[in-house]
Amino acid sequence: MKITTCMSALALTAGLALSSPVAAQEKPASVGLGIFTFTSGPAAAYGMPGKNAAELMIEQINAKGGFGGVPITPTYVDEAQGTQGIIAEYRRLAGDPKNQVMMAALSSANCLALAPIADQLEVPTVGWNCDTHQLLLDGKSKYVFRPNGNTVPEFIAYAIYLLAKKPDIKTVAIINPDYAFGHDAAKIFKAALQALKPDVQVVAELFPKLGSPNYQTEISRLATTRPDVIFSNLWGADLENFVRQASPRGLFTSSQVVLALGETVLQRVALPDGVIVGVLGDGWWMSPDARANAETKKFADAYKARFGEYPVFPSIKMANTLLYVQAAYSAAMKKNGGKWPSRAELAEAMKGSTVATLTGTTKTRTDNDGVVDQIVGVTAKSADQPFPVIGDMVRYKGDALMPKEGQDPIAWISTLTPDFAKSLPKPGSYK
């Protein structure tokens, strides 16, 4: 009995030692990051620039000591395997305490699937891309954060810019991918147009399947309808295929085309002057703010040297998200006296944070959603580059285009007025 009691006491003491705050907060040899993006399939045209940026940015951060003096060891997960595979990989990585933070994900659908699991497992999960405004709509998440903005300010910005450039438009057609991101964008863009110019008529709404290789049917419909404006948030290889197939059939001359993710294809496909494009946030590496930042120039030049093209906005989103996570480590360790932070402490450090990025600033609201500015412009020839750049730019303040926490976003959009739009900066004002 004495031996058993003694052994039990020793076991209890050992257990306490292993679970004590000091032991739990000792710096590890490396810190793991789970990074989710598309590295195969049609979506890789958008996802690989994100992965490339992660590799380069992690290399640069590690060269300066990593997170809090600890080098980063990333694990990349291919989202092309489907949502069930993504969930399984997330749970596997989250089960290893070395992986303190997940950067997940690119796809809005995958983000929506992972969000409740992140809160259940209490793992800080930072959506480096997922735009759908539905992600944090209820404001209850404790462990899910999105530093790069959402579909509400992104697509309101396009409606405002379009009407500033083309105030007399009458008809609009929409061609978006058939899932949350595409349907959200259509709903928001239509609501903004209805509020700002009620006489605009939406004459076609087309939702091809994500990953469609052929758009001839949709292009024929658009050519027949001949709308004043064609709006699209196709992305990745879908966007490239659409542009290559639509250009020979004259869509870019018969209608004002708005390609919400158009900046991602400027270096890959031929776009004429005057196409309205942007970066779903402020992530344009050639913007005035980016050019004024020595770290941004260093990153862009290094990216071009390694990957053969300049970073597109998914690259910048990924890089800025890593800076956001790095800032959380710094803030958490400053608060706890320099000890290695727990997952809970990292999540707490992200709440309400303001972080300087390569292209501006991201502010985290009380609902964990990020507020970033929105850059929109039109394609224009450049004497310095062999591809079109973004000209006639405007930079809208992010908080001006977002409802308050807890407000229904579509209802809020309906309260916008033409006078509100006129009060905002004009195209060409961002120089």
Protein backbone atom coordinates (compact mmCIF):
# COMPACT_ATOMS: atom_id res chain seq x y z
CA MET A 1 0.00 0.00 0.00
CA LYS A 2 2.84 2.39 0.87
CA ILE A 3 4.63 1.59 -2.39
CA THR A 4 1.43 2.19 -4.36
CA THR A 5 0.81 5.47 -2.57
CA CYS A 6 4.38 6.57 -3.17
CA MET A 7 4.20 5.68 -6.84
CA SER A 8 0.88 7.49 -7.15
CA ALA A 9 2.37 10.55 -5.55
CA LEU A 10 5.34 10.45 -7.91
CA ALA A 11 3.04 10.06 -10.90
CA LEU A 12 0.92 12.97 -9.71
CA THR A 13 4.01 15.14 -9.22
CA ALA A 14 5.30 14.22 -12.67
CA GLY A 15 1.93 14.98 -14.20
CA LEU A 16 1.83 18.36 -12.54
CA ALA A 17 5.32 19.14 -13.78
CA LEU A 18 4.45 18.22 -17.35
CA SER A 19 1.26 20.24 -17.33
CA SER A 20 2.54 23.25 -15.44
CA PRO A 21 2.37 26.67 -17.14
CA VAL A 22 6.16 26.96 -17.20
CA ALA A 23 6.61 23.65 -19.02
CA ALA A 24 3.77 24.42 -21.41
CA GLN A 25 5.33 27.75 -22.29
CA GLU A 26 8.90 26.65 -22.99
CA LYS A 27 9.99 27.62 -26.49
CA PRO A 28 9.83 24.69 -28.93
CA ALA A 29 12.56 23.87 -31.43
CA SER A 30 10.19 24.95 -34.20
CA VAL A 31 6.61 26.12 -34.54
CA GLY A 32 4.27 24.49 -37.00
CA LEU A 33 1.82 26.24 -39.30
CA GLY A 34 -0.89 24.46 -41.24
CA ILE A 35 -1.33 26.34 -44.54
CA PHE A 36 -4.30 25.41 -46.73
CA THR A 37 -4.46 26.37 -50.41
CA PHE A 38 -4.98 24.83 -53.84
CA THR A 39 -1.78 23.36 -55.21
CA SER A 40 -3.39 21.24 -57.95
CA GLY A 41 -6.36 21.47 -60.31
CA PRO A 42 -7.79 24.60 -61.98
CA ALA A 43 -7.84 26.59 -58.73
CA ALA A 44 -4.06 26.22 -58.41
CA ALA A 45 -3.68 29.16 -60.80
CA TYR A 46 -4.83 31.25 -57.81
CA GLY A 47 -3.67 28.97 -55.00
CA MET A 48 -0.05 28.45 -56.01
CA PRO A 49 0.81 32.17 -55.90
CA GLY A 50 -0.37 31.98 -52.29
CA LYS A 51 1.83 28.98 -51.55
CA ASN A 52 4.80 30.60 -53.30
CA ALA A 53 4.36 33.71 -51.18
CA ALA A 54 4.16 31.62 -48.01
CA GLU A 55 7.43 29.87 -48.82
CA LEU A 56 9.21 33.14 -49.53
CA MET A 57 7.77 35.06 -46.58
CA ILE A 58 8.49 32.23 -44.13
CA GLU A 59 12.05 32.11 -45.40
CA GLN A 60 12.39 35.86 -44.81
CA ILE A 61 10.79 35.68 -41.35
CA ASN A 62 12.99 32.72 -40.35
CA ALA A 63 16.07 34.64 -41.48
CA LYS A 64 15.16 37.24 -38.85
CA GLY A 65 14.55 34.69 -36.08
CA GLY A 66 11.10 33.29 -36.87
CA PHE A 67 8.16 33.81 -34.53
CA GLY A 68 9.48 34.97 -31.16
CA GLY A 69 12.89 33.51 -31.88
CA VAL A 70 11.51 30.15 -33.07
CA PRO A 71 11.75 29.04 -36.73
CA ILE A 72 8.54 28.25 -38.63
CA THR A 73 7.92 24.81 -40.12
CA PRO A 74 4.93 24.91 -42.48
CA THR A 75 2.76 22.01 -43.59
CA TYR A 76 0.89 22.66 -46.84
CA VAL A 77 -2.51 21.10 -47.46
CA ASP A 78 -3.96 20.89 -50.96
CA GLU A 79 -7.61 22.00 -50.95
CA ALA A 80 -8.22 20.23 -54.26
CA GLN A 81 -8.82 16.99 -52.32
CA GLY A 82 -12.29 18.18 -51.33
CA THR A 83 -13.93 19.36 -48.13
CA GLN A 84 -13.96 16.02 -46.29
CA GLY A 85 -10.26 15.55 -46.92
CA ILE A 86 -9.62 19.12 -45.79
CA ILE A 87 -11.48 18.51 -42.53
CA ALA A 88 -9.50 15.31 -41.90
CA GLU A 89 -6.19 17.09 -42.54
CA TYR A 90 -7.18 19.99 -40.33
CA ARG A 91 -8.03 17.66 -37.44
CA ARG A 92 -4.77 15.75 -37.92
CA LEU A 93 -2.64 18.90 -37.85
CA ALA A 94 -4.62 20.43 -34.98
CA GLY A 95 -3.99 17.28 -32.94
CA ASP A 96 -0.27 18.09 -32.88
CA PRO A 97 0.39 20.88 -30.32
CA LYS A 98 3.42 22.00 -32.34
CA ASN A 99 0.96 23.34 -34.94
CA GLN A 100 -0.35 26.29 -32.97
CA VAL A 101 -2.05 28.20 -35.80
CA MET A 102 -3.89 27.18 -38.97
CA MET A 103 -3.99 29.46 -42.00
CA ALA A 104 -7.14 28.15 -43.61
CA ALA A 105 -8.29 28.46 -46.18
CA LEU A 106 -8.51 29.73 -49.74
CA SER A 107 -11.98 28.44 -50.60
CA SER A 108 -14.97 30.10 -48.96
CA ALA A 109 -16.72 26.72 -48.79
CA ASN A 110 -13.77 25.17 -46.96
CA CYS A 111 -13.59 28.09 -44.54
CA LEU A 112 -17.26 27.68 -43.67
CA ALA A 113 -16.74 23.96 -43.07
CA LEU A 114 -13.66 24.47 -40.87
CA ALA A 115 -14.89 27.38 -38.74
CA PRO A 116 -16.99 25.37 -36.25
CA ILE A 117 -14.19 22.81 -35.92
CA ALA A 118 -11.68 25.56 -35.13
CA ASP A 119 -13.86 26.80 -32.28
CA GLN A 120 -14.53 23.26 -31.09
CA LEU A 121 -10.82 22.39 -30.97
CA GLU A 122 -9.81 25.89 -29.83
CA VAL A 123 -7.22 26.37 -32.56
CA PRO A 124 -6.49 29.91 -33.83
CA THR A 125 -7.48 29.74 -37.50
CA VAL A 126 -6.73 32.65 -39.80
CA GLY A 127 -8.56 32.77 -43.12
CA TRP A 128 -5.85 34.02 -45.42
CA ASN A 129 -8.28 34.38 -48.30
CA CYS A 130 -11.86 33.08 -47.69
CA ASP A 131 -13.96 36.09 -48.64
CA THR A 132 -17.54 35.05 -47.94
CA HIS A 133 -19.18 37.49 -45.52
CA GLN A 134 -21.07 34.55 -44.02
CA LEU A 135 -17.94 33.31 -42.23
CA LEU A 136 -18.13 35.61 -39.18
CA LEU A 137 -21.67 36.87 -39.58
CA ASP A 138 -22.93 35.80 -36.15
CA GLY A 139 -19.95 37.40 -34.34
CA LYS A 140 -19.60 34.45 -31.96
CA SER A 141 -16.35 32.85 -33.09
CA LYS A 142 -13.48 32.90 -30.60
CA TYR A 143 -10.80 31.25 -32.70
CA VAL A 144 -11.53 32.18 -36.34
CA PHE A 145 -10.06 35.39 -37.76
CA ARG A 146 -9.99 36.95 -41.21
CA PRO A 147 -7.51 39.81 -41.64
CA ASN A 148 -8.07 40.44 -45.36
CA GLY A 149 -11.66 41.68 -45.55
CA ASN A 150 -14.80 40.10 -47.01
CA THR A 151 -17.20 40.15 -49.92
CA VAL A 152 -19.26 43.09 -48.63
CA PRO A 153 -16.70 45.92 -48.99
CA GLU A 154 -15.06 44.17 -51.94
CA PHE A 155 -18.11 44.16 -54.19
CA ILE A 156 -19.63 47.40 -52.97
CA ALA A 157 -16.35 48.98 -54.05
CA TYR A 158 -16.83 47.67 -57.59
CA ALA A 159 -20.37 49.01 -57.81
CA ILE A 160 -19.25 52.45 -56.63
CA TYR A 161 -16.28 52.55 -58.99
CA LEU A 162 -18.34 51.34 -61.94
CA LEU A 163 -20.99 54.04 -61.45
CA ALA A 164 -18.31 56.70 -61.05
CA LYS A 165 -16.82 55.66 -64.40
CA LYS A 166 -20.08 54.84 -66.20
CA PRO A 167 -22.92 56.77 -64.56
CA ASP A 168 -25.36 56.20 -67.43
CA ILE A 169 -25.35 52.39 -67.54
CA LYS A 170 -28.74 50.70 -67.85
CA THR A 171 -28.12 46.96 -68.07
CA VAL A 172 -25.81 44.53 -66.30
CA ALA A 173 -25.07 40.82 -66.73
CA ILE A 174 -23.34 38.66 -64.13
CA ILE A 175 -21.21 35.54 -64.64
CA ASN A 176 -19.91 34.08 -61.37
CA PRO A 177 -18.89 30.62 -60.14
CA ASP A 178 -21.67 28.45 -58.75
CA TYR A 179 -20.83 28.36 -55.03
CA ALA A 180 -20.86 30.64 -51.97
CA PHE A 181 -18.28 33.14 -53.23
CA GLY A 182 -20.00 33.59 -56.59
CA HIS A 183 -23.53 33.85 -55.22
CA ASP A 184 -22.48 36.18 -52.37
CA ALA A 185 -20.76 38.50 -54.84
CA ALA A 186 -23.80 38.60 -57.13
CA LYS A 187 -26.13 39.36 -54.24
CA ILE A 188 -23.93 42.14 -52.85
CA PHE A 189 -23.17 43.71 -56.24
CA LYS A 190 -26.86 43.73 -57.20
CA ALA A 191 -27.90 45.17 -53.83
CA ALA A 192 -25.34 47.97 -54.16
CA LEU A 193 -26.45 48.82 -57.70
CA GLN A 194 -30.09 48.80 -56.61
CA ALA A 195 -29.32 51.22 -53.79
CA LEU A 196 -27.07 53.54 -55.78
CA LYS A 197 -28.84 53.46 -59.17
CA PRO A 198 -32.26 51.80 -58.93
CA ASP A 199 -32.97 51.98 -62.68
CA VAL A 200 -30.16 49.55 -63.54
CA GLN A 201 -31.57 46.26 -64.82
CA VAL A 202 -29.83 42.92 -64.32
CA VAL A 203 -30.52 41.13 -67.62
CA ALA A 204 -28.64 37.86 -67.03
CA GLU A 205 -27.21 35.89 -64.11
CA LEU A 206 -25.01 32.98 -65.09
CA PHE A 207 -23.40 30.59 -62.60
CA PRO A 208 -21.14 28.06 -64.36
CA LYS A 209 -19.75 25.21 -62.32
CA LEU A 210 -16.43 25.90 -60.60
CA GLY A 211 -13.65 24.44 -62.75
CA SER A 212 -15.54 24.65 -66.05
CA PRO A 213 -13.12 24.48 -69.00
CA ASN A 214 -15.55 25.87 -71.59
CA TYR A 215 -17.63 29.06 -71.44
CA GLN A 216 -18.94 29.21 -74.99
CA THR A 217 -22.57 28.76 -73.93
CA GLU A 218 -22.33 31.58 -71.38
CA ILE A 219 -20.41 33.80 -73.84
CA SER A 220 -23.12 33.26 -76.46
CA ARG A 221 -25.76 34.32 -73.95
CA LEU A 222 -23.80 37.44 -73.04
CA ALA A 223 -23.17 38.30 -76.70
CA THR A 224 -26.89 38.00 -77.45
CA THR A 225 -27.94 40.03 -74.40
CA ARG A 226 -25.37 42.79 -75.10
CA PRO A 227 -25.46 44.35 -71.61
CA ASP A 228 -23.80 47.67 -70.90
CA VAL A 229 -21.75 45.92 -68.18
CA ILE A 230 -20.52 42.37 -67.61
CA PHE A 231 -19.55 41.70 -64.00
CA SER A 232 -17.62 38.57 -63.01
CA ASN A 233 -15.78 37.18 -60.02
CA LEU A 234 -14.48 34.09 -61.81
CA TRP A 235 -10.99 33.24 -60.60
CA GLY A 236 -8.03 30.92 -61.17
CA ALA A 237 -7.99 28.92 -64.39
CA ASP A 238 -11.73 29.65 -64.78
CA LEU A 239 -10.97 33.35 -65.21
CA GLU A 240 -8.09 32.68 -67.59
CA ASN A 241 -10.26 30.39 -69.73
CA PHE A 242 -13.12 32.88 -69.79
CA VAL A 243 -10.87 35.76 -70.89
CA ARG A 244 -9.21 33.69 -73.62
CA GLN A 245 -12.58 32.54 -74.95
CA ALA A 246 -14.44 35.84 -74.57
CA SER A 247 -11.87 38.14 -76.17
CA PRO A 248 -12.14 36.77 -79.74
CA ARG A 249 -15.93 37.04 -79.56
CA GLY A 250 -15.85 40.76 -78.81
CA LEU A 251 -17.22 40.89 -75.28
CA PHE A 252 -14.53 43.30 -74.17
CA THR A 253 -15.50 45.79 -76.88
CA SER A 254 -19.31 45.47 -76.73
CA SER A 255 -19.59 45.81 -72.92
CA GLN A 256 -17.77 47.42 -70.02
CA VAL A 257 -16.24 44.38 -68.33
CA VAL A 258 -15.62 44.23 -64.59
CA LEU A 259 -13.30 41.41 -63.51
CA ALA A 260 -13.23 41.46 -59.74
CA LEU A 261 -10.16 39.21 -59.60
CA GLY A 262 -8.69 40.50 -62.84
CA GLU A 263 -5.34 41.53 -61.36
CA THR A 264 -4.43 37.87 -60.98
CA VAL A 265 -4.34 37.33 -64.77
CA LEU A 266 -2.67 40.55 -65.93
CA GLN A 267 0.68 38.80 -66.37
CA ARG A 268 -0.84 35.71 -68.02
CA VAL A 269 -3.54 36.69 -70.53
CA ALA A 270 -4.08 39.67 -72.81
CA LEU A 271 -6.58 42.18 -71.48
CA PRO A 272 -7.43 45.39 -73.33
CA ASP A 273 -7.26 48.80 -71.71
CA GLY A 274 -10.20 49.93 -69.64
CA VAL A 275 -11.26 46.67 -68.00
CA ILE A 276 -12.23 47.39 -64.38
CA VAL A 277 -10.10 45.27 -62.05
CA GLY A 278 -8.99 45.27 -58.44
CA VAL A 279 -7.38 43.17 -55.74
CA LEU A 280 -10.16 42.33 -53.25
CA GLY A 281 -8.51 44.46 -50.61
CA ASP A 282 -5.40 46.63 -50.79
CA GLY A 283 -2.92 43.99 -51.99
CA TRP A 284 -1.56 45.66 -55.13
CA TRP A 285 2.20 45.48 -55.08
CA MET A 286 2.50 48.58 -57.29
CA SER A 287 0.17 50.83 -55.29
CA PRO A 288 1.61 54.09 -53.89
CA ASP A 289 1.56 52.68 -50.35
CA ALA A 290 3.31 49.49 -51.44
CA ARG A 291 5.97 51.38 -53.40
CA ALA A 292 6.70 53.49 -50.33
CA ASN A 293 7.40 50.37 -48.26
CA ALA A 294 10.96 49.06 -48.62
CA GLU A 295 9.91 45.61 -47.34
CA THR A 296 7.26 45.34 -50.05
CA LYS A 297 9.77 46.13 -52.78
CA LYS A 298 12.15 43.57 -51.33
CA PHE A 299 9.40 40.95 -51.27
CA ALA A 300 8.17 41.72 -54.80
CA ASP A 301 11.67 41.65 -56.29
CA ALA A 302 12.53 38.39 -54.51
CA TYR A 303 9.24 36.86 -55.65
CA LYS A 304 9.91 37.83 -59.28
CA ALA A 305 13.46 36.45 -59.13
CA ARG A 306 12.30 33.10 -57.74
CA PHE A 307 9.00 32.50 -59.51
CA GLY A 308 9.36 34.39 -62.78
CA GLU A 309 6.47 36.80 -62.23
CA TYR A 310 5.53 39.51 -59.78
CA PRO A 311 3.27 38.66 -56.84
CA VAL A 312 -0.45 38.83 -57.56
CA PHE A 313 -2.90 39.76 -54.86
CA PRO A 314 -3.33 36.19 -53.49
CA SER A 315 0.43 36.29 -52.90
CA ILE A 316 0.12 39.57 -51.04
CA LYS A 317 -2.84 38.29 -49.00
CA MET A 318 -0.80 35.30 -47.91
CA ALA A 319 2.25 37.40 -47.07
CA ASN A 320 0.14 39.90 -45.11
CA THR A 321 -1.54 37.06 -43.20
CA LEU A 322 1.84 35.73 -42.11
CA LEU A 323 2.71 39.22 -40.84
CA TYR A 324 -0.60 39.17 -38.96
CA VAL A 325 0.26 35.86 -37.28
CA GLN A 326 3.78 37.10 -36.52
CA ALA A 327 2.30 40.17 -34.84
CA ALA A 328 0.07 37.94 -32.71
CA TYR A 329 3.10 36.03 -31.42
CA SER A 330 4.89 39.29 -30.61
CA ALA A 331 1.87 40.75 -28.82
CA ALA A 332 1.12 37.56 -26.87
CA MET A 333 4.73 37.23 -25.68
CA LYS A 334 4.92 40.88 -24.74
CA LYS A 335 1.79 40.48 -22.64
CA ASN A 336 2.91 37.29 -20.84
CA GLY A 337 6.44 38.41 -20.06
CA GLY A 338 8.23 36.77 -22.95
CA LYS A 339 7.02 33.22 -22.37
CA TRP A 340 5.99 31.02 -25.25
CA PRO A 341 2.26 31.66 -25.86
CA SER A 342 -0.54 29.15 -25.76
CA ARG A 343 -3.14 28.85 -28.52
CA ALA A 344 -5.59 30.75 -26.34
CA GLU A 345 -3.10 33.57 -25.79
CA LEU A 346 -2.47 33.82 -29.54
CA ALA A 347 -6.19 34.06 -30.24
CA GLU A 348 -6.53 36.73 -27.58
CA ALA A 349 -3.67 38.69 -29.17
CA MET A 350 -5.44 38.68 -32.54
CA LYS A 351 -8.63 40.16 -31.12
CA GLY A 352 -8.88 43.88 -31.78
CA SER A 353 -5.37 44.02 -33.23
CA THR A 354 -4.05 46.58 -35.70
CA VAL A 355 -1.23 45.25 -37.87
CA ALA A 356 0.93 47.01 -40.45
CA THR A 357 1.21 44.98 -43.66
CA LEU A 358 3.09 45.17 -46.94
CA THR A 359 0.30 47.23 -48.48
CA GLY A 360 -1.44 49.08 -45.66
CA THR A 361 -3.04 48.17 -42.36
CA THR A 362 -5.45 45.50 -41.21
CA LYS A 363 -7.68 46.11 -38.20
CA THR A 364 -9.52 43.29 -36.44
CA ARG A 365 -13.04 44.11 -35.30
CA THR A 366 -14.83 42.66 -32.29
CA ASP A 367 -16.41 40.04 -34.57
CA ASN A 368 -12.88 38.97 -35.63
CA ASP A 369 -13.36 40.29 -39.18
CA GLY A 370 -10.60 42.34 -40.73
CA VAL A 371 -10.95 45.86 -42.09
CA VAL A 372 -8.70 46.70 -45.03
CA ASP A 373 -8.90 49.34 -47.74
CA GLN A 374 -10.20 48.50 -51.21
CA ILE A 375 -8.18 49.34 -54.34
CA VAL A 376 -9.98 49.40 -57.71
CA GLY A 377 -8.89 50.70 -61.11
CA VAL A 378 -8.76 49.90 -64.80
CA THR A 379 -6.26 48.05 -66.95
CA ALA A 380 -3.75 50.38 -68.57
CA LYS A 381 -0.56 50.04 -70.58
CA SER A 382 2.70 50.63 -68.74
CA ALA A 383 6.02 51.84 -70.06
CA ASP A 384 7.74 49.87 -67.30
CA GLN A 385 6.03 46.49 -67.66
CA PRO A 386 5.22 44.18 -70.60
CA PHE A 387 1.74 43.56 -69.17
CA PRO A 388 -1.16 45.87 -68.25
CA VAL A 389 -1.13 47.45 -64.81
CA ILE A 390 -3.89 49.04 -62.75
CA GLY A 391 -4.44 52.69 -63.63
CA ASP A 392 -6.96 55.37 -62.68
CA MET A 393 -6.90 53.92 -59.17
CA VAL A 394 -9.00 54.72 -56.15
CA ARG A 395 -8.42 53.56 -52.59
CA TYR A 396 -11.61 53.36 -50.53
CA LYS A 397 -11.32 53.22 -46.75
CA GLY A 398 -12.35 49.77 -45.62
CA ASP A 399 -14.51 50.85 -42.70
CA ALA A 400 -16.57 53.13 -44.98
CA LEU A 401 -17.78 50.09 -46.93
CA MET A 402 -18.60 47.75 -44.03
CA PRO A 403 -21.70 47.57 -41.83
CA LYS A 404 -21.27 47.70 -38.09
CA GLU A 405 -20.81 44.47 -36.19
CA GLY A 406 -24.10 42.63 -35.90
CA GLN A 407 -25.84 44.47 -38.73
CA ASP A 408 -27.40 42.49 -41.55
CA PRO A 409 -25.07 43.34 -44.46
CA ILE A 410 -27.65 43.21 -47.26
CA ALA A 411 -30.08 45.34 -45.27
CA TRP A 412 -27.27 47.81 -44.58
CA ILE A 413 -26.36 47.99 -48.28
CA SER A 414 -29.95 48.96 -49.06
CA THR A 415 -29.47 52.12 -46.97
CA LEU A 416 -26.64 53.42 -49.17
CA THR A 417 -27.42 56.46 -51.29
CA PRO A 418 -25.99 58.16 -54.39
CA ASP A 419 -24.81 60.97 -52.11
CA PHE A 420 -22.82 58.42 -50.09
CA ALA A 421 -21.07 57.25 -53.25
CA LYS A 422 -20.35 60.82 -54.32
CA SER A 423 -18.68 61.51 -50.96
CA LEU A 424 -16.02 58.86 -51.59
CA PRO A 425 -12.70 59.34 -53.42
CA LYS A 426 -12.92 59.48 -57.21
CA PRO A 427 -11.19 57.24 -59.77
CA GLY A 428 -7.67 58.48 -60.37
CA SER A 429 -7.35 60.02 -56.92
CA TYR A 430 -4.94 57.36 -55.63
CA LYS A 431 -1.55 58.31 -57.03
